[in-house]
Amino acid sequence: MTQRQRRVRDRTERGRRIVAAARELAEAEGWDAVTTRRLAGLIEYSQPVLYSHFPGGKDAIMAAAALEGFTELAATLVAARPGGLGGVAGSYLAFAEAKPGLYDAMFTLASELRFAEDDTPEVMKACFAELLAVVEPTAREEEAGALTEVFWSTLHGLATLDRGRRLSPAHRDERLALVVDRFGARGD
C-alpha cells in the first residue's frame, strides 16, 4: 500500500468514526446534543479535523448519517419485500422505532439532502423504490409514485405520532393492519 493510499484509507476511517460517534450520541441524547466540540472530545480529534472532513459542520455530519440510514432502511425494506405490503410497512415502522435519532436525521430534521429532485442521492431513490415496488401493484388508475408518497406519509405519520405517544399503544397492530388493508385492497 502506498503512502497516498494509506492517507486516503485513514481519512475515510476518520470520517466513519465521526459519523458513528454522531449517530451514537444522537441515539442516546438526540441531535441537539451533537456538537462538533462534543464529537471532537469523544473521538479525540480536534474540531478543525472534523471540519476538514465535514466543512458544513454538524449539518454535513447529520446528512452523512442520514445517507447511511437510507442505505440501512433500503436493505431492511429489500429483506421485507417477500412479506409484501405488510412486511415492508412493519419493517419501516420497526426501523423508525429502533433508530429514532437516525430516523430524525433522515426524515424529520432540516437537512441539506433533497428529496424527489434530479440531484437526489441514489441511495435515497433506492429507498423510495423499495416502497414503490410494493405499492405499485395496488395503484390501479392512480399514479403509483403519488400513491407511494401517500403510503410513505402514512407510515411516517404513524412512526412519528407513535413515538411522540400521541397514539394508543393498544391499537398499534390494528393501525398497521388497517393501513395494509386499505392500500392492499386497492389491487382487488
Protein backbone atom coordinates (compact mmCIF):
# COMPACT_ATOMS: atom_id res chain seq x y z
CA MET A 1 0.00 0.00 0.00
CA THR A 2 1.37 3.38 -0.98
CA GLN A 3 1.58 6.30 1.41
CA ARG A 4 -1.19 8.08 -0.52
CA GLN A 5 -3.47 5.03 -0.31
CA ARG A 6 -2.81 4.81 3.42
CA ARG A 7 -3.71 8.52 3.87
CA VAL A 8 -6.94 8.04 1.92
CA ARG A 9 -7.78 4.94 3.98
CA ASP A 10 -7.05 6.78 7.25
CA ARG A 11 -9.11 9.79 6.19
CA THR A 12 -12.03 7.56 5.22
CA GLU A 13 -11.82 5.77 8.57
CA ARG A 14 -11.76 9.10 10.46
CA GLY A 15 -14.88 10.18 8.57
CA ARG A 16 -16.61 6.92 9.52
CA ARG A 17 -15.62 7.37 13.17
CA ILE A 18 -17.02 10.90 13.20
CA VAL A 19 -20.37 9.80 11.75
CA ALA A 20 -20.53 6.73 14.01
CA ALA A 21 -19.90 8.85 17.10
CA ALA A 22 -22.55 11.36 15.98
CA ARG A 23 -25.09 8.60 15.42
CA GLU A 24 -24.35 7.02 18.78
CA LEU A 25 -24.69 10.34 20.59
CA ALA A 26 -27.88 11.23 18.68
CA GLU A 27 -29.47 7.89 19.59
CA ALA A 28 -28.57 8.37 23.25
CA GLU A 29 -29.33 12.08 23.67
CA GLY A 30 -30.83 13.45 20.44
CA TRP A 31 -29.28 15.58 17.72
CA ASP A 32 -29.31 18.70 19.90
CA ALA A 33 -26.56 17.05 21.95
CA VAL A 34 -24.39 16.53 18.87
CA THR A 35 -21.89 19.36 18.53
CA THR A 36 -18.53 19.43 16.82
CA ARG A 37 -16.88 20.23 20.15
CA ARG A 38 -18.50 17.23 21.82
CA LEU A 39 -17.70 14.93 18.89
CA ALA A 40 -14.09 16.09 18.87
CA GLY A 41 -13.82 15.14 22.52
CA LEU A 42 -15.49 11.76 22.03
CA ILE A 43 -13.27 10.63 19.19
CA GLU A 44 -10.16 12.51 20.32
CA TYR A 45 -9.73 14.66 17.23
CA SER A 46 -9.62 18.44 17.11
CA GLN A 47 -12.56 20.42 15.81
CA PRO A 48 -10.52 21.51 12.76
CA VAL A 49 -10.09 17.83 11.86
CA LEU A 50 -13.87 17.37 11.99
CA TYR A 51 -14.36 20.43 9.79
CA SER A 52 -11.73 19.18 7.35
CA HIS A 53 -13.89 16.08 6.85
CA PHE A 54 -17.24 17.86 7.07
CA PRO A 55 -16.86 21.55 6.13
CA GLY A 56 -20.59 22.04 6.77
CA GLY A 57 -20.11 21.01 10.39
CA LYS A 58 -22.95 19.32 12.23
CA ASP A 59 -25.37 19.64 9.29
CA ALA A 60 -22.96 17.83 6.98
CA ILE A 61 -22.32 15.13 9.60
CA MET A 62 -26.05 14.67 10.07
CA ALA A 63 -26.52 14.40 6.28
CA ALA A 64 -23.80 11.74 6.12
CA ALA A 65 -25.54 9.84 8.92
CA ALA A 66 -28.87 10.16 7.07
CA LEU A 67 -27.33 8.70 3.90
CA GLU A 68 -26.10 5.73 5.94
CA GLY A 69 -29.63 5.45 7.30
CA PHE A 70 -31.13 5.34 3.81
CA THR A 71 -28.73 2.54 2.92
CA GLU A 72 -29.79 0.62 6.04
CA LEU A 73 -33.50 1.27 5.52
CA ALA A 74 -33.33 0.23 1.86
CA ALA A 75 -31.67 -3.06 2.88
CA THR A 76 -34.33 -3.57 5.54
CA LEU A 77 -37.11 -3.00 3.00
CA VAL A 78 -35.47 -5.31 0.45
CA ALA A 79 -35.37 -8.05 3.07
CA ALA A 80 -39.02 -7.39 3.98
CA ARG A 81 -40.35 -7.30 0.43
CA PRO A 82 -41.21 -11.04 0.31
CA GLY A 83 -43.73 -10.24 3.08
CA GLY A 84 -45.49 -7.84 0.71
CA LEU A 85 -47.07 -4.60 1.78
CA GLY A 86 -47.46 -5.73 5.39
CA GLY A 87 -43.88 -6.89 5.70
CA VAL A 88 -42.50 -3.66 4.27
CA ALA A 89 -44.80 -1.46 6.36
CA GLY A 90 -43.97 -3.35 9.56
CA SER A 91 -40.24 -3.22 8.82
CA TYR A 92 -40.37 0.51 8.11
CA LEU A 93 -42.09 1.18 11.45
CA ALA A 94 -39.70 -1.14 13.30
CA PHE A 95 -36.73 0.72 11.77
CA ALA A 96 -38.16 4.09 12.88
CA GLU A 97 -38.73 2.77 16.39
CA ALA A 98 -35.32 1.10 16.73
CA LYS A 99 -33.30 4.07 15.43
CA PRO A 100 -35.16 7.27 16.36
CA GLY A 101 -32.11 9.53 16.13
CA LEU A 102 -31.20 8.22 12.71
CA TYR A 103 -34.82 8.41 11.58
CA ASP A 104 -34.92 12.06 12.66
CA ALA A 105 -31.81 12.82 10.61
CA MET A 106 -33.39 11.12 7.61
CA PHE A 107 -36.91 12.47 7.73
CA THR A 108 -37.68 14.94 10.49
CA LEU A 109 -34.90 17.48 10.97
CA ALA A 110 -33.93 20.15 8.46
CA SER A 111 -31.38 18.76 6.05
CA GLU A 112 -29.31 19.69 3.05
CA LEU A 113 -30.49 16.46 1.37
CA ARG A 114 -33.10 16.99 -1.32
CA PHE A 115 -35.95 14.57 -1.94
CA ALA A 116 -37.65 13.95 -5.29
CA GLU A 117 -35.22 16.07 -7.30
CA ASP A 118 -32.79 15.30 -10.11
CA ASP A 119 -29.88 15.58 -7.68
CA THR A 120 -31.42 13.36 -5.01
CA PRO A 121 -28.76 10.86 -3.90
CA GLU A 122 -29.17 7.42 -5.47
CA VAL A 123 -29.47 5.67 -2.11
CA MET A 124 -32.49 7.83 -1.27
CA LYS A 125 -34.06 6.99 -4.65
CA ALA A 126 -33.39 3.30 -4.00
CA CYS A 127 -35.11 3.51 -0.64
CA PHE A 128 -38.21 5.08 -2.21
CA ALA A 129 -38.09 2.47 -4.99
CA GLU A 130 -38.48 -0.27 -2.38
CA LEU A 131 -41.71 1.33 -1.16
CA LEU A 132 -42.85 1.84 -4.75
CA ALA A 133 -42.26 -1.85 -5.51
CA VAL A 134 -44.90 -2.96 -3.02
CA VAL A 135 -47.37 -0.13 -3.65
CA GLU A 136 -47.28 -0.08 -7.45
CA PRO A 137 -49.23 -3.35 -7.87
CA THR A 138 -52.10 -1.78 -5.89
CA ALA A 139 -52.20 1.51 -7.83
CA ARG A 140 -54.92 0.71 -10.39
CA GLU A 141 -55.66 4.03 -12.13
CA GLU A 142 -53.74 6.20 -9.62
CA GLU A 143 -50.22 7.35 -10.34
CA ALA A 144 -48.01 4.86 -8.48
CA GLY A 145 -45.45 7.45 -7.39
CA ALA A 146 -48.08 9.68 -5.80
CA LEU A 147 -49.76 6.70 -4.14
CA THR A 148 -46.37 5.59 -2.78
CA GLU A 149 -45.85 9.07 -1.34
CA VAL A 150 -49.22 8.78 0.44
CA PHE A 151 -48.29 5.32 1.77
CA TRP A 152 -44.91 6.61 2.95
CA SER A 153 -46.56 9.67 4.52
CA THR A 154 -48.95 7.38 6.37
CA LEU A 155 -46.11 5.27 7.72
CA HIS A 156 -44.15 8.38 8.67
CA GLY A 157 -47.17 9.79 10.47
CA LEU A 158 -47.67 6.55 12.38
CA ALA A 159 -43.99 6.37 13.31
CA THR A 160 -43.85 9.98 14.44
CA LEU A 161 -47.14 10.07 16.33
CA ASP A 162 -46.49 6.72 17.99
CA ARG A 163 -43.03 7.79 19.12
CA GLY A 164 -44.48 11.01 20.50
CA ARG A 165 -47.01 8.94 22.47
CA ARG A 166 -49.89 10.57 20.68
CA LEU A 167 -51.49 7.29 19.63
CA SER A 168 -52.83 4.48 21.77
CA PRO A 169 -50.27 1.68 22.20
CA ALA A 170 -53.19 -0.74 22.37
CA HIS A 171 -54.07 -0.02 18.73
CA ARG A 172 -50.58 -0.26 17.20
CA ASP A 173 -51.12 -3.61 15.44
CA GLU A 174 -54.65 -2.66 14.39
CA ARG A 175 -53.43 0.62 12.84
CA LEU A 176 -50.80 -1.23 10.81
CA ALA A 177 -53.37 -3.80 9.67
CA LEU A 178 -55.72 -1.00 8.58
CA VAL A 179 -53.01 0.70 6.53
CA VAL A 180 -52.05 -2.56 4.84
CA ASP A 181 -55.70 -3.45 4.25
CA ARG A 182 -56.55 -0.05 2.75
CA PHE A 183 -53.56 0.02 0.42
CA GLY A 184 -53.66 -3.70 -0.34
CA ALA A 185 -57.38 -3.70 -1.13
CA ARG A 186 -56.71 -1.27 -3.97
CA GLY A 187 -55.35 -4.13 -6.07
CA ASP A 188 -58.63 -6.08 -5.97
